[in-house]
Amino acid sequence: MKQTLGKTEKLKSKIVISTLFEEGRSIKSFPFKLVYLRLTNNATQHQVAFSVPKRSFRLAVDRNRLKRLMREAYRKNKTILAEEEHRYALMFIYLGRKKFSLPELDKSIQKILTKFREQEQTE
């Protein structure tokens, strides 16, 4: 698995996103909430999206920076999900009220992805 986050890995479908919030399950691990849904189509990769609420960060500059850092942290740690046999739509929602640095977000993404993998293996 390459260490990139390509166009095919980005979750863009409005239909899938709405289904994700209606039927998906979630895991919380501060400062993230991960909402996920197993993809039924024959997707070759996990599809992922990132969200930072406007309520927490008024300035678009801050929201965009956090999303950029979240994407980078996910890109570096997505190998944790490599051995999953199913493909998922994933939405990372930032819950924190303060801005974290890349190493802190990196640890948090690792933690929540590991938690997700363990939960899916038990089911």
Protein backbone atom coordinates (compact mmCIF):
# COMPACT_ATOMS: atom_id res chain seq x y z
CA MET A 1 0.00 0.00 0.00
CA LYS A 2 1.42 3.32 -1.04
CA GLN A 3 1.81 6.16 1.44
CA THR A 4 -0.36 8.52 -0.60
CA LEU A 5 -3.93 9.73 -0.31
CA GLY A 6 -5.18 9.61 -3.88
CA LYS A 7 -8.33 10.80 -5.54
CA THR A 8 -9.99 7.36 -5.34
CA GLU A 9 -9.50 7.26 -1.56
CA LYS A 10 -11.41 10.49 -0.91
CA LEU A 11 -15.03 10.18 0.12
CA LYS A 12 -16.99 12.57 -2.09
CA SER A 13 -20.31 10.89 -2.86
CA LYS A 14 -23.18 12.77 -1.22
CA ILE A 15 -25.25 9.58 -1.22
CA VAL A 16 -22.57 7.58 0.61
CA ILE A 17 -21.98 10.45 3.08
CA SER A 18 -25.68 10.75 3.92
CA THR A 19 -25.95 6.96 4.32
CA LEU A 20 -22.83 7.05 6.50
CA PHE A 21 -24.50 9.45 8.96
CA GLU A 22 -27.86 7.65 8.87
CA GLU A 23 -26.67 4.05 9.20
CA GLY A 24 -23.01 4.27 10.20
CA ARG A 25 -21.49 3.41 13.56
CA SER A 26 -19.06 5.57 15.49
CA ILE A 27 -16.06 5.43 17.79
CA LYS A 28 -14.81 8.30 19.93
CA SER A 29 -11.23 8.82 20.95
CA PHE A 30 -10.40 12.39 21.86
CA PRO A 31 -9.98 14.62 19.82
CA PHE A 32 -11.71 12.55 17.10
CA LYS A 33 -14.97 10.86 16.37
CA LEU A 34 -14.78 8.25 13.63
CA VAL A 35 -18.03 7.47 11.82
CA TYR A 36 -17.77 4.40 9.59
CA LEU A 37 -19.87 2.25 7.30
CA ARG A 38 -18.95 -0.89 5.40
CA LEU A 39 -19.04 -0.25 1.66
CA THR A 40 -21.25 -2.68 -0.24
CA ASN A 41 -19.93 -1.90 -3.70
CA ASN A 42 -16.71 -3.58 -4.77
CA ALA A 43 -14.46 -0.73 -3.63
CA THR A 44 -10.75 -1.40 -3.81
CA GLN A 45 -9.81 1.06 -1.05
CA HIS A 46 -11.21 2.65 2.06
CA GLN A 47 -12.81 6.02 1.35
CA VAL A 48 -12.12 8.76 3.84
CA ALA A 49 -13.26 12.32 4.61
CA PHE A 50 -12.34 14.84 7.29
CA SER A 51 -14.45 17.43 9.06
CA VAL A 52 -13.73 20.27 11.47
CA PRO A 53 -16.84 22.05 12.80
CA LYS A 54 -17.28 25.76 12.23
CA ARG A 55 -18.66 26.06 15.76
CA SER A 56 -15.25 25.16 17.22
CA PHE A 57 -13.06 27.08 14.77
CA ARG A 58 -14.61 30.18 13.25
CA LEU A 59 -11.75 30.95 10.87
CA ALA A 60 -11.60 28.88 7.68
CA VAL A 61 -7.80 29.10 7.87
CA ASP A 62 -7.82 27.17 11.15
CA ARG A 63 -10.32 24.57 9.91
CA ASN A 64 -8.37 23.99 6.70
CA ARG A 65 -5.07 23.65 8.56
CA LEU A 66 -6.52 21.07 10.93
CA LYS A 67 -8.02 19.11 8.03
CA ARG A 68 -4.68 19.18 6.25
CA LEU A 69 -2.91 17.86 9.37
CA MET A 70 -5.59 15.18 9.82
CA ARG A 71 -5.16 14.04 6.21
CA GLU A 72 -1.39 13.84 6.69
CA ALA A 73 -1.73 11.85 9.93
CA TYR A 74 -4.17 9.44 8.26
CA ARG A 75 -1.93 9.08 5.20
CA LYS A 76 1.00 8.07 7.41
CA ASN A 77 -1.03 5.60 9.49
CA LYS A 78 -3.44 4.04 6.99
CA THR A 79 -1.33 0.88 6.86
CA ILE A 80 -3.03 -0.05 10.17
CA LEU A 81 -6.13 -0.80 8.07
CA ALA A 82 -4.25 -2.69 5.34
CA GLU A 83 -5.21 -6.15 6.57
CA GLU A 84 -8.95 -5.39 6.79
CA GLU A 85 -10.80 -7.68 4.37
CA HIS A 86 -13.75 -5.28 3.98
CA ARG A 87 -13.66 -1.71 2.69
CA TYR A 88 -15.17 1.16 4.66
CA ALA A 89 -16.32 4.73 4.26
CA LEU A 90 -14.66 6.67 7.08
CA MET A 91 -15.40 10.18 8.34
CA PHE A 92 -13.06 11.74 10.89
CA ILE A 93 -14.73 14.54 12.85
CA TYR A 94 -12.55 16.79 14.98
CA LEU A 95 -14.03 17.24 18.47
CA GLY A 96 -11.30 19.28 20.15
CA ARG A 97 -11.56 22.97 20.95
CA LYS A 98 -7.85 23.69 20.64
CA LYS A 99 -5.40 23.21 17.80
CA PHE A 100 -3.13 20.21 18.15
CA SER A 101 0.22 19.71 16.44
CA LEU A 102 0.91 17.03 13.83
CA PRO A 103 2.67 14.61 16.25
CA GLU A 104 -0.29 14.81 18.66
CA LEU A 105 -2.81 14.25 15.85
CA ASP A 106 -0.62 11.42 14.54
CA LYS A 107 -0.86 9.57 17.88
CA SER A 108 -4.61 10.18 18.09
CA ILE A 109 -5.21 8.86 14.55
CA GLN A 110 -3.13 5.75 15.34
CA LYS A 111 -5.13 5.21 18.51
CA ILE A 112 -8.56 5.54 16.87
CA LEU A 113 -7.60 3.41 13.83
CA THR A 114 -6.31 0.66 16.12
CA LYS A 115 -9.50 0.87 18.18
CA PHE A 116 -11.56 0.66 14.97
CA ARG A 117 -9.63 -2.36 13.69
CA GLU A 118 -10.00 -4.20 17.01
CA GLN A 119 -13.73 -3.48 17.12
CA GLU A 120 -14.24 -4.74 13.57
CA GLN A 121 -12.26 -7.93 14.21
CA THR A 122 -14.48 -8.82 17.16
CA GLU A 123 -17.63 -8.59 15.03
